[in-house]
Amino acid sequence: MTTTVDLVPGMVTTRDEIAAAYGCGTFQGIEPADEAGKVFVYSDPSAGEEYGYTFDGRAEDDEFGPLYLYTGAGAKGDQKPSGRNGSLLTAAEKDREIHLFVAHGKVPGSGAMRQRYIGQMVLDPINPYEVRRGPGRDNVMRNVLVFRFRPAEGTTPAWTEADRMPAATRTDIEITEPVVTVPALVLLPQQSGAKVRKTEQHATTETVADIPAGQRKVLRREGELVEEFKAHLSATGHETHSFQITIKGEPGALTPDLYDATDHVLYEAKGQTTRINVRMAIGQLADYRRHIPNRETLRVAVLLPSEPTEDVKDLLATQGVALVYQSGDDFAGWPLTS
């Protein structure tokens, strides 16, 4: 196989040219090229618009830098983290590069789409994908995997303002499973001989997005806390889920941590018991609660890994926010008092 296509960000090519050069397919959004050690990803936001959602596109930067969101493979039914989607999740451990293209109009005189090369990407090492709700080709609502790409080290992505995620055309709310992030354990320099435990989230142990080890540990603790509290609620017969809240005029979606449908309580979890984290949780709950059904009777609570100071407790009480925190094998403050 002779490579005749130089992958330079900003170049415009076609699927056929990439397939001829690297030995991959031409019809799917995710096309592994095993012998070349690459996975090619073709993003076309207009394809999602056909079914009423637009999860693909350049998202707002977060504290770790730029993001591009990409809807996984599977036109009908719940998307699974296997098959072509699995080829993205296992790319790092198989030492395969991920290369992102965006649809760039049609080839003159042909129905084929041109593809603009954005650059080499990696999956976010903390949260490789989120589960969103969206209609399938059969117009039945299902779970959609939305992958979170970050530029690989040394890559200057060739995205433009036109690549930004479009704003939602209406405000809507969908019931979904809680978005739980349990990143892989961090391999610290002094522990270079230790083994890194893999998780069910398929999180790579490669810190390519320059995310501090301490922050990854905090986010891991937050994910574990939500999972443990969710299991605790389930064991007591409580039904739990979360929401996907899209806001008219804004891209993306709001995703609260956990909703106890049995007690009509919305929880926001934090991986650290600090004032700044609690203040953030109060603000998030104030934002979320405006969109939750039956908000007049909704209660809100902060979920923490340990007991906060008396003044932080007073802060929560004055804001009408309940407190639940982990205490040994139990959760203090639960069940909530009226």
C-alpha atoms as a PDB file:
ATOM      1  CA  MET A   1       0.000   0.000   0.000  1.00  0.00           C
ATOM      2  CA  THR A   2       1.463   3.310  -1.089  1.00  0.00           C
ATOM      3  CA  THR A   3       0.364   6.443   0.736  1.00  0.00           C
ATOM      4  CA  THR A   4      -0.347   9.239  -1.722  1.00  0.00           C
ATOM      5  CA  VAL A   5      -2.346  11.567   0.549  1.00  0.00           C
ATOM      6  CA  ASP A   6      -0.478  13.799   2.981  1.00  0.00           C
ATOM      7  CA  LEU A   7      -2.690  14.508   5.985  1.00  0.00           C
ATOM      8  CA  VAL A   8      -2.244  18.256   6.385  1.00  0.00           C
ATOM      9  CA  PRO A   9      -4.916  20.132   8.418  1.00  0.00           C
ATOM     10  CA  GLY A  10      -7.052  22.232   6.083  1.00  0.00           C
ATOM     11  CA  MET A  11      -6.609  20.039   3.013  1.00  0.00           C
ATOM     12  CA  VAL A  12      -9.735  19.008   1.088  1.00  0.00           C
ATOM     13  CA  THR A  13     -10.025  15.464  -0.199  1.00  0.00           C
ATOM     14  CA  THR A  14     -12.595  12.685  -0.654  1.00  0.00           C
ATOM     15  CA  ARG A  15     -13.335   9.395   1.069  1.00  0.00           C
ATOM     16  CA  ASP A  16     -12.253   7.534  -2.070  1.00  0.00           C
ATOM     17  CA  GLU A  17      -8.837   9.166  -2.011  1.00  0.00           C
ATOM     18  CA  ILE A  18      -8.359   8.326   1.680  1.00  0.00           C
ATOM     19  CA  ALA A  19      -9.532   4.752   1.111  1.00  0.00           C
ATOM     20  CA  ALA A  20      -7.147   4.280  -1.809  1.00  0.00           C
ATOM     21  CA  ALA A  21      -4.230   5.610   0.212  1.00  0.00           C
ATOM     22  CA  TYR A  22      -4.850   3.918   3.555  1.00  0.00           C
ATOM     23  CA  GLY A  23      -6.993   0.861   2.847  1.00  0.00           C
ATOM     24  CA  CYS A  24     -10.202   1.741   4.721  1.00  0.00           C
ATOM     25  CA  GLY A  25     -13.876   1.783   3.744  1.00  0.00           C
ATOM     26  CA  THR A  26     -15.765   4.670   2.207  1.00  0.00           C
ATOM     27  CA  PHE A  27     -19.360   4.495   3.460  1.00  0.00           C
ATOM     28  CA  GLN A  28     -19.352   4.709   7.268  1.00  0.00           C
ATOM     29  CA  GLY A  29     -18.725   7.656   9.575  1.00  0.00           C
ATOM     30  CA  ILE A  30     -16.026   5.683  11.409  1.00  0.00           C
ATOM     31  CA  GLU A  31     -13.620   3.862   9.091  1.00  0.00           C
ATOM     32  CA  PRO A  32     -10.734   1.913  10.689  1.00  0.00           C
ATOM     33  CA  ALA A  33      -7.615   1.404   8.596  1.00  0.00           C
ATOM     34  CA  ASP A  34      -6.003  -1.414  10.548  1.00  0.00           C
ATOM     35  CA  GLU A  35      -2.836  -1.892   8.511  1.00  0.00           C
ATOM     36  CA  ALA A  36      -2.158   1.842   8.478  1.00  0.00           C
ATOM     37  CA  GLY A  37      -2.701   2.117  12.237  1.00  0.00           C
ATOM     38  CA  LYS A  38      -5.397   4.789  11.832  1.00  0.00           C
ATOM     39  CA  VAL A  39      -9.099   5.393  12.367  1.00  0.00           C
ATOM     40  CA  PHE A  40     -10.745   7.918  10.039  1.00  0.00           C
ATOM     41  CA  VAL A  41     -13.776   9.828  11.337  1.00  0.00           C
ATOM     42  CA  TYR A  42     -16.115  11.681   8.978  1.00  0.00           C
ATOM     43  CA  SER A  43     -18.364  14.250  10.618  1.00  0.00           C
ATOM     44  CA  ASP A  44     -21.432  15.628   8.854  1.00  0.00           C
ATOM     45  CA  PRO A  45     -23.619  17.765  11.158  1.00  0.00           C
ATOM     46  CA  SER A  46     -26.321  18.023   8.462  1.00  0.00           C
ATOM     47  CA  ALA A  47     -26.899  14.259   8.715  1.00  0.00           C
ATOM     48  CA  GLY A  48     -28.085  14.655  12.306  1.00  0.00           C
ATOM     49  CA  GLU A  49     -30.290  17.604  11.427  1.00  0.00           C
ATOM     50  CA  GLU A  50     -32.252  15.270   9.171  1.00  0.00           C
ATOM     51  CA  TYR A  51     -33.381  13.394  12.289  1.00  0.00           C
ATOM     52  CA  GLY A  52     -33.864  16.454  14.474  1.00  0.00           C
ATOM     53  CA  TYR A  53     -30.597  16.665  16.441  1.00  0.00           C
ATOM     54  CA  THR A  54     -27.159  18.181  15.939  1.00  0.00           C
ATOM     55  CA  PHE A  55     -24.623  16.712  18.331  1.00  0.00           C
ATOM     56  CA  ASP A  56     -21.678  17.080  15.924  1.00  0.00           C
ATOM     57  CA  GLY A  57     -19.510  20.174  15.921  1.00  0.00           C
ATOM     58  CA  ARG A  58     -16.962  22.351  17.638  1.00  0.00           C
ATOM     59  CA  ALA A  59     -18.137  22.706  21.227  1.00  0.00           C
ATOM     60  CA  GLU A  60     -17.317  25.493  23.644  1.00  0.00           C
ATOM     61  CA  ASP A  61     -13.838  25.241  25.152  1.00  0.00           C
ATOM     62  CA  ASP A  62     -13.704  24.001  28.730  1.00  0.00           C
ATOM     63  CA  GLU A  63     -10.967  24.379  31.330  1.00  0.00           C
ATOM     64  CA  PHE A  64      -8.899  21.749  29.508  1.00  0.00           C
ATOM     65  CA  GLY A  65      -9.049  23.320  26.062  1.00  0.00           C
ATOM     66  CA  PRO A  66     -10.891  22.811  22.747  1.00  0.00           C
ATOM     67  CA  LEU A  67     -13.436  20.069  22.072  1.00  0.00           C
ATOM     68  CA  TYR A  68     -15.105  18.594  19.010  1.00  0.00           C
ATOM     69  CA  LEU A  69     -18.182  16.432  19.572  1.00  0.00           C
ATOM     70  CA  TYR A  70     -19.007  13.555  17.253  1.00  0.00           C
ATOM     71  CA  THR A  71     -22.065  11.282  17.106  1.00  0.00           C
ATOM     72  CA  GLY A  72     -21.180   7.598  17.084  1.00  0.00           C
ATOM     73  CA  ALA A  73     -22.196   4.825  14.684  1.00  0.00           C
ATOM     74  CA  GLY A  74     -25.659   3.276  14.594  1.00  0.00           C
ATOM     75  CA  ALA A  75     -28.692   4.691  12.762  1.00  0.00           C
ATOM     76  CA  LYS A  76     -31.397   2.866  14.738  1.00  0.00           C
ATOM     77  CA  GLY A  77     -31.655   1.637  18.328  1.00  0.00           C
ATOM     78  CA  ASP A  78     -29.320   2.430  21.212  1.00  0.00           C
ATOM     79  CA  GLN A  79     -25.731   2.975  20.111  1.00  0.00           C
ATOM     80  CA  LYS A  80     -23.224   0.656  21.787  1.00  0.00           C
ATOM     81  CA  PRO A  81     -19.552   1.175  22.756  1.00  0.00           C
ATOM     82  CA  SER A  82     -18.522  -1.666  20.438  1.00  0.00           C
ATOM     83  CA  GLY A  83     -17.994  -2.306  16.743  1.00  0.00           C
ATOM     84  CA  ARG A  84     -16.985   0.881  14.945  1.00  0.00           C
ATOM     85  CA  ASN A  85     -17.573   2.887  18.110  1.00  0.00           C
ATOM     86  CA  GLY A  86     -15.270   0.465  19.893  1.00  0.00           C
ATOM     87  CA  SER A  87     -12.529   1.192  17.358  1.00  0.00           C
ATOM     88  CA  LEU A  88     -12.417   4.752  18.724  1.00  0.00           C
ATOM     89  CA  LEU A  89     -12.434   3.631  22.361  1.00  0.00           C
ATOM     90  CA  THR A  90      -9.563   1.189  21.809  1.00  0.00           C
ATOM     91  CA  ALA A  91      -7.513   3.399  19.474  1.00  0.00           C
ATOM     92  CA  ALA A  92      -5.028   4.509  22.143  1.00  0.00           C
ATOM     93  CA  GLU A  93      -4.323   1.034  23.514  1.00  0.00           C
ATOM     94  CA  LYS A  94      -3.918  -0.303  19.968  1.00  0.00           C
ATOM     95  CA  ASP A  95      -1.641   2.611  19.084  1.00  0.00           C
ATOM     96  CA  ARG A  96      -3.921   3.853  16.312  1.00  0.00           C
ATOM     97  CA  GLU A  97      -4.236   7.497  15.331  1.00  0.00           C
ATOM     98  CA  ILE A  98      -7.649   9.154  15.020  1.00  0.00           C
ATOM     99  CA  HIS A  99      -8.071  11.566  12.098  1.00  0.00           C
ATOM    100  CA  LEU A 100     -11.092  13.859  11.854  1.00  0.00           C
ATOM    101  CA  PHE A 101     -12.726  15.141   8.656  1.00  0.00           C
ATOM    102  CA  VAL A 102     -15.761  17.401   8.222  1.00  0.00           C
ATOM    103  CA  ALA A 103     -18.098  17.379   5.210  1.00  0.00           C
ATOM    104  CA  HIS A 104     -17.166  20.228   2.859  1.00  0.00           C
ATOM    105  CA  GLY A 105     -19.716  20.346   0.054  1.00  0.00           C
ATOM    106  CA  LYS A 106     -20.115  18.074  -2.918  1.00  0.00           C
ATOM    107  CA  VAL A 107     -17.623  17.237  -5.627  1.00  0.00           C
ATOM    108  CA  PRO A 108     -18.634  19.203  -8.759  1.00  0.00           C
ATOM    109  CA  GLY A 109     -20.660  17.010 -11.108  1.00  0.00           C
ATOM    110  CA  SER A 110     -20.929  14.247  -8.514  1.00  0.00           C
ATOM    111  CA  GLY A 111     -23.022  13.279  -5.508  1.00  0.00           C
ATOM    112  CA  ALA A 112     -19.894  12.481  -3.467  1.00  0.00           C
ATOM    113  CA  MET A 113     -19.008  14.741  -0.567  1.00  0.00           C
ATOM    114  CA  ARG A 114     -15.686  16.504  -0.254  1.00  0.00           C
ATOM    115  CA  GLN A 115     -13.967  16.175   3.107  1.00  0.00           C
ATOM    116  CA  ARG A 116     -11.967  18.881   4.873  1.00  0.00           C
ATOM    117  CA  TYR A 117      -9.266  17.483   7.142  1.00  0.00           C
ATOM    118  CA  ILE A 118      -9.417  18.976  10.651  1.00  0.00           C
ATOM    119  CA  GLY A 119      -6.435  17.170  12.118  1.00  0.00           C
ATOM    120  CA  GLN A 120      -5.357  14.325  14.371  1.00  0.00           C
ATOM    121  CA  MET A 121      -7.545  13.904  17.443  1.00  0.00           C
ATOM    122  CA  VAL A 122      -7.596  11.916  20.668  1.00  0.00           C
ATOM    123  CA  LEU A 123     -10.525  10.980  22.856  1.00  0.00           C
ATOM    124  CA  ASP A 124     -10.816  12.984  26.043  1.00  0.00           C
ATOM    125  CA  PRO A 125      -8.916  10.909  28.631  1.00  0.00           C
ATOM    126  CA  ILE A 126     -11.363  11.786  31.425  1.00  0.00           C
ATOM    127  CA  ASN A 127     -14.685  11.488  29.620  1.00  0.00           C
ATOM    128  CA  PRO A 128     -14.354   9.848  26.173  1.00  0.00           C
ATOM    129  CA  TYR A 129     -18.065  10.011  25.425  1.00  0.00           C
ATOM    130  CA  GLU A 130     -21.433  11.042  26.830  1.00  0.00           C
ATOM    131  CA  VAL A 131     -24.807   9.399  26.313  1.00  0.00           C
ATOM    132  CA  ARG A 132     -27.429  11.689  24.780  1.00  0.00           C
ATOM    133  CA  ARG A 133     -30.991  11.095  23.641  1.00  0.00           C
ATOM    134  CA  GLY A 134     -31.938  11.528  20.000  1.00  0.00           C
ATOM    135  CA  PRO A 135     -34.217  10.032  17.332  1.00  0.00           C
ATOM    136  CA  GLY A 136     -32.961   7.267  15.079  1.00  0.00           C
ATOM    137  CA  ARG A 137     -33.626   6.745  11.405  1.00  0.00           C
ATOM    138  CA  ASP A 138     -36.951   5.169  12.427  1.00  0.00           C
ATOM    139  CA  ASN A 139     -37.830   8.315  14.474  1.00  0.00           C
ATOM    140  CA  VAL A 140     -37.730   6.294  17.709  1.00  0.00           C
ATOM    141  CA  MET A 141     -35.833   7.948  20.576  1.00  0.00           C
ATOM    142  CA  ARG A 142     -32.686   6.080  21.574  1.00  0.00           C
ATOM    143  CA  ASN A 143     -29.350   6.514  23.371  1.00  0.00           C
ATOM    144  CA  VAL A 144     -26.675   8.160  21.247  1.00  0.00           C
ATOM    145  CA  LEU A 145     -22.945   8.077  22.016  1.00  0.00           C
ATOM    146  CA  VAL A 146     -21.397  11.512  21.616  1.00  0.00           C
ATOM    147  CA  PHE A 147     -17.597  11.242  21.492  1.00  0.00           C
ATOM    148  CA  ARG A 148     -15.437  14.040  22.871  1.00  0.00           C
ATOM    149  CA  PHE A 149     -12.376  14.723  20.711  1.00  0.00           C
ATOM    150  CA  ARG A 150      -9.424  16.915  21.634  1.00  0.00           C
ATOM    151  CA  PRO A 151      -6.526  17.871  19.338  1.00  0.00           C
ATOM    152  CA  ALA A 152      -3.591  15.489  19.571  1.00  0.00           C
ATOM    153  CA  GLU A 153      -0.358  16.889  20.910  1.00  0.00           C
ATOM    154  CA  GLY A 154       1.346  19.015  18.245  1.00  0.00           C
ATOM    155  CA  THR A 155      -1.820  19.369  16.126  1.00  0.00           C
ATOM    156  CA  THR A 156      -3.221  22.760  15.126  1.00  0.00           C
ATOM    157  CA  PRO A 157      -6.801  21.914  14.064  1.00  0.00           C
ATOM    158  CA  ALA A 158      -8.093  23.491  10.864  1.00  0.00           C
ATOM    159  CA  TRP A 159     -11.599  24.139  12.143  1.00  0.00           C
ATOM    160  CA  THR A 160     -13.478  27.362  11.456  1.00  0.00           C
ATOM    161  CA  GLU A 161     -16.405  29.254  12.959  1.00  0.00           C
ATOM    162  CA  ALA A 162     -18.652  27.352  10.553  1.00  0.00           C
ATOM    163  CA  ASP A 163     -17.715  24.136  12.361  1.00  0.00           C
ATOM    164  CA  ARG A 164     -19.214  25.262  15.666  1.00  0.00           C
ATOM    165  CA  MET A 165     -22.221  23.337  16.944  1.00  0.00           C
ATOM    166  CA  PRO A 166     -25.483  24.948  15.844  1.00  0.00           C
ATOM    167  CA  ALA A 167     -27.773  26.395  18.483  1.00  0.00           C
ATOM    168  CA  ALA A 168     -30.857  24.431  19.477  1.00  0.00           C
ATOM    169  CA  THR A 169     -34.047  25.572  17.745  1.00  0.00           C
ATOM    170  CA  ARG A 170     -36.202  24.896  20.796  1.00  0.00           C
ATOM    171  CA  THR A 171     -35.998  24.231  24.526  1.00  0.00           C
ATOM    172  CA  ASP A 172     -36.623  20.578  25.288  1.00  0.00           C
ATOM    173  CA  ILE A 173     -36.049  18.005  28.017  1.00  0.00           C
ATOM    174  CA  GLU A 174     -35.480  14.274  27.665  1.00  0.00           C
ATOM    175  CA  ILE A 175     -35.133  11.588  30.316  1.00  0.00           C
ATOM    176  CA  THR A 176     -31.763   9.858  30.152  1.00  0.00           C
ATOM    177  CA  GLU A 177     -29.441   7.770  32.255  1.00  0.00           C
ATOM    178  CA  PRO A 178     -27.104   9.653  34.623  1.00  0.00           C
ATOM    179  CA  VAL A 179     -23.897  10.779  32.904  1.00  0.00           C
ATOM    180  CA  VAL A 180     -21.290   9.106  35.094  1.00  0.00           C
ATOM    181  CA  THR A 181     -17.583   9.683  34.489  1.00  0.00           C
ATOM    182  CA  VAL A 182     -15.082   7.335  36.161  1.00  0.00           C
ATOM    183  CA  PRO A 183     -11.700   8.146  34.585  1.00  0.00           C
ATOM    184  CA  ALA A 184      -8.825   5.700  34.670  1.00  0.00           C
ATOM    185  CA  LEU A 185      -6.542   5.891  37.662  1.00  0.00           C
ATOM    186  CA  VAL A 186      -3.601   8.242  37.191  1.00  0.00           C
ATOM    187  CA  LEU A 187      -0.119   6.782  36.901  1.00  0.00           C
ATOM    188  CA  LEU A 188       2.048   9.187  38.882  1.00  0.00           C
ATOM    189  CA  PRO A 189       5.820   9.415  38.173  1.00  0.00           C
ATOM    190  CA  GLN A 190       6.768   7.867  41.522  1.00  0.00           C
ATOM    191  CA  GLN A 191       4.415   4.965  40.781  1.00  0.00           C
ATOM    192  CA  SER A 192       5.809   4.149  37.354  1.00  0.00           C
ATOM    193  CA  GLY A 193       5.957   0.465  38.200  1.00  0.00           C
ATOM    194  CA  ALA A 194       2.326   0.249  39.225  1.00  0.00           C
ATOM    195  CA  LYS A 195      -0.434  -1.132  37.050  1.00  0.00           C
ATOM    196  CA  VAL A 196      -3.316   1.068  35.969  1.00  0.00           C
ATOM    197  CA  ARG A 197      -6.736  -0.442  36.518  1.00  0.00           C
ATOM    198  CA  LYS A 198      -9.059  -0.197  33.540  1.00  0.00           C
ATOM    199  CA  THR A 199     -12.674   0.855  33.980  1.00  0.00           C
ATOM    200  CA  GLU A 200     -15.962   0.133  32.278  1.00  0.00           C
ATOM    201  CA  GLN A 201     -15.852   3.609  30.762  1.00  0.00           C
ATOM    202  CA  HIS A 202     -12.993   2.572  28.418  1.00  0.00           C
ATOM    203  CA  ALA A 203     -11.061   5.659  29.522  1.00  0.00           C
ATOM    204  CA  THR A 204      -7.555   5.758  28.126  1.00  0.00           C
ATOM    205  CA  THR A 205      -4.663   6.175  30.567  1.00  0.00           C
ATOM    206  CA  GLU A 206      -2.839   8.420  28.128  1.00  0.00           C
ATOM    207  CA  THR A 207      -2.873  12.062  29.307  1.00  0.00           C
ATOM    208  CA  VAL A 208      -2.936  13.691  25.909  1.00  0.00           C
ATOM    209  CA  ALA A 209      -5.120  16.663  26.794  1.00  0.00           C
ATOM    210  CA  ASP A 210      -2.709  17.878  29.463  1.00  0.00           C
ATOM    211  CA  ILE A 211      -5.331  17.341  32.165  1.00  0.00           C
ATOM    212  CA  PRO A 212      -3.734  17.551  35.626  1.00  0.00           C
ATOM    213  CA  ALA A 213      -3.550  14.272  37.489  1.00  0.00           C
ATOM    214  CA  GLY A 214      -5.152  15.836  40.554  1.00  0.00           C
ATOM    215  CA  GLN A 215      -8.167  17.020  38.576  1.00  0.00           C
ATOM    216  CA  ARG A 216      -8.614  13.615  36.996  1.00  0.00           C
ATOM    217  CA  LYS A 217      -8.616  12.034  40.457  1.00  0.00           C
ATOM    218  CA  VAL A 218     -11.263  14.526  41.612  1.00  0.00           C
ATOM    219  CA  LEU A 219     -13.494  13.771  38.629  1.00  0.00           C
ATOM    220  CA  ARG A 220     -13.002  10.066  39.177  1.00  0.00           C
ATOM    221  CA  ARG A 221     -14.091  10.450  42.786  1.00  0.00           C
ATOM    222  CA  GLU A 222     -17.166  12.369  41.663  1.00  0.00           C
ATOM    223  CA  GLY A 223     -18.123   9.600  39.235  1.00  0.00           C
ATOM    224  CA  GLU A 224     -17.617   6.924  41.873  1.00  0.00           C
ATOM    225  CA  LEU A 225     -19.686   8.941  44.358  1.00  0.00           C
ATOM    226  CA  VAL A 226     -22.623   9.194  41.935  1.00  0.00           C
ATOM    227  CA  GLU A 227     -22.425   5.470  41.140  1.00  0.00           C
ATOM    228  CA  GLU A 228     -22.359   4.516  44.835  1.00  0.00           C
ATOM    229  CA  PHE A 229     -25.247   6.806  45.737  1.00  0.00           C
ATOM    230  CA  LYS A 230     -27.248   5.618  42.737  1.00  0.00           C
ATOM    231  CA  ALA A 231     -26.732   2.017  43.923  1.00  0.00           C
ATOM    232  CA  HIS A 232     -27.743   3.055  47.440  1.00  0.00           C
ATOM    233  CA  LEU A 233     -30.987   4.591  46.164  1.00  0.00           C
ATOM    234  CA  SER A 234     -31.716   1.574  43.977  1.00  0.00           C
ATOM    235  CA  ALA A 235     -31.232  -0.783  46.935  1.00  0.00           C
ATOM    236  CA  THR A 236     -33.908   1.123  48.830  1.00  0.00           C
ATOM    237  CA  GLY A 237     -36.377   0.871  45.963  1.00  0.00           C
ATOM    238  CA  HIS A 238     -35.869   4.344  44.507  1.00  0.00           C
ATOM    239  CA  GLU A 239     -36.024   4.980  40.765  1.00  0.00           C
ATOM    240  CA  THR A 240     -33.262   7.199  39.383  1.00  0.00           C
ATOM    241  CA  HIS A 241     -32.378   8.789  36.078  1.00  0.00           C
ATOM    242  CA  SER A 242     -31.236  12.159  34.763  1.00  0.00           C
ATOM    243  CA  PHE A 243     -32.225  14.688  32.108  1.00  0.00           C
ATOM    244  CA  GLN A 244     -30.880  16.060  28.849  1.00  0.00           C
ATOM    245  CA  ILE A 245     -31.923  19.720  28.701  1.00  0.00           C
ATOM    246  CA  THR A 246     -31.482  21.582  25.421  1.00  0.00           C
ATOM    247  CA  ILE A 247     -31.937  25.355  25.451  1.00  0.00           C
ATOM    248  CA  LYS A 248     -33.241  27.316  22.485  1.00  0.00           C
ATOM    249  CA  GLY A 249     -30.509  29.511  21.028  1.00  0.00           C
ATOM    250  CA  GLU A 250     -27.676  27.578  22.719  1.00  0.00           C
ATOM    251  CA  PRO A 251     -25.532  24.670  21.505  1.00  0.00           C
ATOM    252  CA  GLY A 252     -25.052  21.517  23.536  1.00  0.00           C
ATOM    253  CA  ALA A 253     -27.144  20.368  26.483  1.00  0.00           C
ATOM    254  CA  LEU A 254     -27.359  20.583  30.270  1.00  0.00           C
ATOM    255  CA  THR A 255     -26.999  17.231  32.053  1.00  0.00           C
ATOM    256  CA  PRO A 256     -27.686  17.136  35.817  1.00  0.00           C
ATOM    257  CA  ASP A 257     -25.848  14.448  37.783  1.00  0.00           C
ATOM    258  CA  LEU A 258     -28.735  12.474  39.284  1.00  0.00           C
ATOM    259  CA  TYR A 259     -32.493  12.667  39.758  1.00  0.00           C
ATOM    260  CA  ASP A 260     -34.363  10.628  42.365  1.00  0.00           C
ATOM    261  CA  ALA A 261     -37.759  10.188  40.715  1.00  0.00           C
ATOM    262  CA  THR A 262     -39.218   8.530  43.813  1.00  0.00           C
ATOM    263  CA  ASP A 263     -38.586  11.520  46.090  1.00  0.00           C
ATOM    264  CA  HIS A 264     -38.526  14.187  43.330  1.00  0.00           C
ATOM    265  CA  VAL A 265     -35.015  15.338  44.271  1.00  0.00           C
ATOM    266  CA  LEU A 266     -32.290  16.624  41.947  1.00  0.00           C
ATOM    267  CA  TYR A 267     -28.687  16.011  43.058  1.00  0.00           C
ATOM    268  CA  GLU A 268     -25.458  17.681  41.999  1.00  0.00           C
ATOM    269  CA  ALA A 269     -22.305  15.824  43.048  1.00  0.00           C
ATOM    270  CA  LYS A 270     -18.798  17.139  43.615  1.00  0.00           C
ATOM    271  CA  GLY A 271     -15.589  15.181  44.022  1.00  0.00           C
ATOM    272  CA  GLN A 272     -14.183  17.557  46.630  1.00  0.00           C
ATOM    273  CA  THR A 273     -15.740  18.998  49.772  1.00  0.00           C
ATOM    274  CA  THR A 274     -14.583  22.570  49.339  1.00  0.00           C
ATOM    275  CA  ARG A 275     -16.413  25.886  49.415  1.00  0.00           C
ATOM    276  CA  ILE A 276     -15.716  26.630  45.750  1.00  0.00           C
ATOM    277  CA  ASN A 277     -17.155  23.262  44.702  1.00  0.00           C
ATOM    278  CA  VAL A 278     -20.254  23.716  46.842  1.00  0.00           C
ATOM    279  CA  ARG A 279     -20.802  27.207  45.454  1.00  0.00           C
ATOM    280  CA  MET A 280     -20.547  25.802  41.932  1.00  0.00           C
ATOM    281  CA  ALA A 281     -23.065  23.077  42.762  1.00  0.00           C
ATOM    282  CA  ILE A 282     -25.538  25.653  44.139  1.00  0.00           C
ATOM    283  CA  GLY A 283     -25.331  27.623  40.890  1.00  0.00           C
ATOM    284  CA  GLN A 284     -25.766  24.517  38.735  1.00  0.00           C
ATOM    285  CA  LEU A 285     -28.829  23.409  40.684  1.00  0.00           C
ATOM    286  CA  ALA A 286     -30.353  26.884  40.389  1.00  0.00           C
ATOM    287  CA  ASP A 287     -29.896  26.652  36.617  1.00  0.00           C
ATOM    288  CA  TYR A 288     -31.189  23.083  36.234  1.00  0.00           C
ATOM    289  CA  ARG A 289     -34.243  23.321  38.474  1.00  0.00           C
ATOM    290  CA  ARG A 290     -35.931  25.925  36.251  1.00  0.00           C
ATOM    291  CA  HIS A 291     -36.364  23.282  33.548  1.00  0.00           C
ATOM    292  CA  ILE A 292     -37.394  20.228  35.613  1.00  0.00           C
ATOM    293  CA  PRO A 293     -41.070  19.165  35.475  1.00  0.00           C
ATOM    294  CA  ASN A 294     -43.079  20.010  38.618  1.00  0.00           C
ATOM    295  CA  ARG A 295     -40.335  22.371  39.733  1.00  0.00           C
ATOM    296  CA  GLU A 296     -42.633  23.909  42.362  1.00  0.00           C
ATOM    297  CA  THR A 297     -42.276  20.793  44.518  1.00  0.00           C
ATOM    298  CA  LEU A 298     -38.766  19.829  43.409  1.00  0.00           C
ATOM    299  CA  ARG A 299     -36.109  19.573  46.094  1.00  0.00           C
ATOM    300  CA  VAL A 300     -32.429  20.007  45.313  1.00  0.00           C
ATOM    301  CA  ALA A 301     -29.402  18.632  47.123  1.00  0.00           C
ATOM    302  CA  VAL A 302     -25.618  18.634  46.949  1.00  0.00           C
ATOM    303  CA  LEU A 303     -23.861  15.264  47.165  1.00  0.00           C
ATOM    304  CA  LEU A 304     -20.360  15.360  48.684  1.00  0.00           C
ATOM    305  CA  PRO A 305     -17.675  12.774  49.526  1.00  0.00           C
ATOM    306  CA  SER A 306     -17.306  13.989  53.138  1.00  0.00           C
ATOM    307  CA  GLU A 307     -18.821  16.328  55.704  1.00  0.00           C
ATOM    308  CA  PRO A 308     -18.245  20.047  54.997  1.00  0.00           C
ATOM    309  CA  THR A 309     -17.568  22.779  57.525  1.00  0.00           C
ATOM    310  CA  GLU A 310     -20.360  24.288  59.609  1.00  0.00           C
ATOM    311  CA  ASP A 311     -20.296  27.504  57.611  1.00  0.00           C
ATOM    312  CA  VAL A 312     -20.662  25.641  54.308  1.00  0.00           C
ATOM    313  CA  LYS A 313     -23.599  23.763  55.841  1.00  0.00           C
ATOM    314  CA  ASP A 314     -25.132  27.108  56.771  1.00  0.00           C
ATOM    315  CA  LEU A 315     -24.570  28.386  53.224  1.00  0.00           C
ATOM    316  CA  LEU A 316     -26.511  25.436  51.819  1.00  0.00           C
ATOM    317  CA  ALA A 317     -29.305  25.851  54.337  1.00  0.00           C
ATOM    318  CA  THR A 318     -29.768  29.549  53.578  1.00  0.00           C
ATOM    319  CA  GLN A 319     -30.042  28.711  49.856  1.00  0.00           C
ATOM    320  CA  GLY A 320     -32.634  26.011  50.453  1.00  0.00           C
ATOM    321  CA  VAL A 321     -30.283  23.273  49.243  1.00  0.00           C
ATOM    322  CA  ALA A 322     -30.163  19.970  51.122  1.00  0.00           C
ATOM    323  CA  LEU A 323     -26.885  18.210  51.959  1.00  0.00           C
ATOM    324  CA  VAL A 324     -26.031  14.530  51.581  1.00  0.00           C
ATOM    325  CA  TYR A 325     -22.485  13.309  52.158  1.00  0.00           C
ATOM    326  CA  GLN A 326     -20.733   9.974  52.344  1.00  0.00           C
ATOM    327  CA  SER A 327     -20.012   8.717  55.833  1.00  0.00           C
ATOM    328  CA  GLY A 328     -18.294   5.355  55.869  1.00  0.00           C
ATOM    329  CA  ASP A 329     -20.541   2.890  54.063  1.00  0.00           C
ATOM    330  CA  ASP A 330     -23.607   5.101  54.447  1.00  0.00           C
ATOM    331  CA  PHE A 331     -24.869   8.527  53.347  1.00  0.00           C
ATOM    332  CA  ALA A 332     -25.547  11.106  56.042  1.00  0.00           C
ATOM    333  CA  GLY A 333     -28.461  13.450  55.425  1.00  0.00           C
ATOM    334  CA  TRP A 334     -30.470  10.830  53.511  1.00  0.00           C
ATOM    335  CA  PRO A 335     -33.386  10.345  53.406  1.00  0.00           C
ATOM    336  CA  LEU A 336     -34.053  14.050  53.127  1.00  0.00           C
ATOM    337  CA  THR A 337     -36.274  15.560  55.760  1.00  0.00           C
ATOM    338  CA  SER A 338     -39.231  17.665  54.656  1.00  0.00           C
END
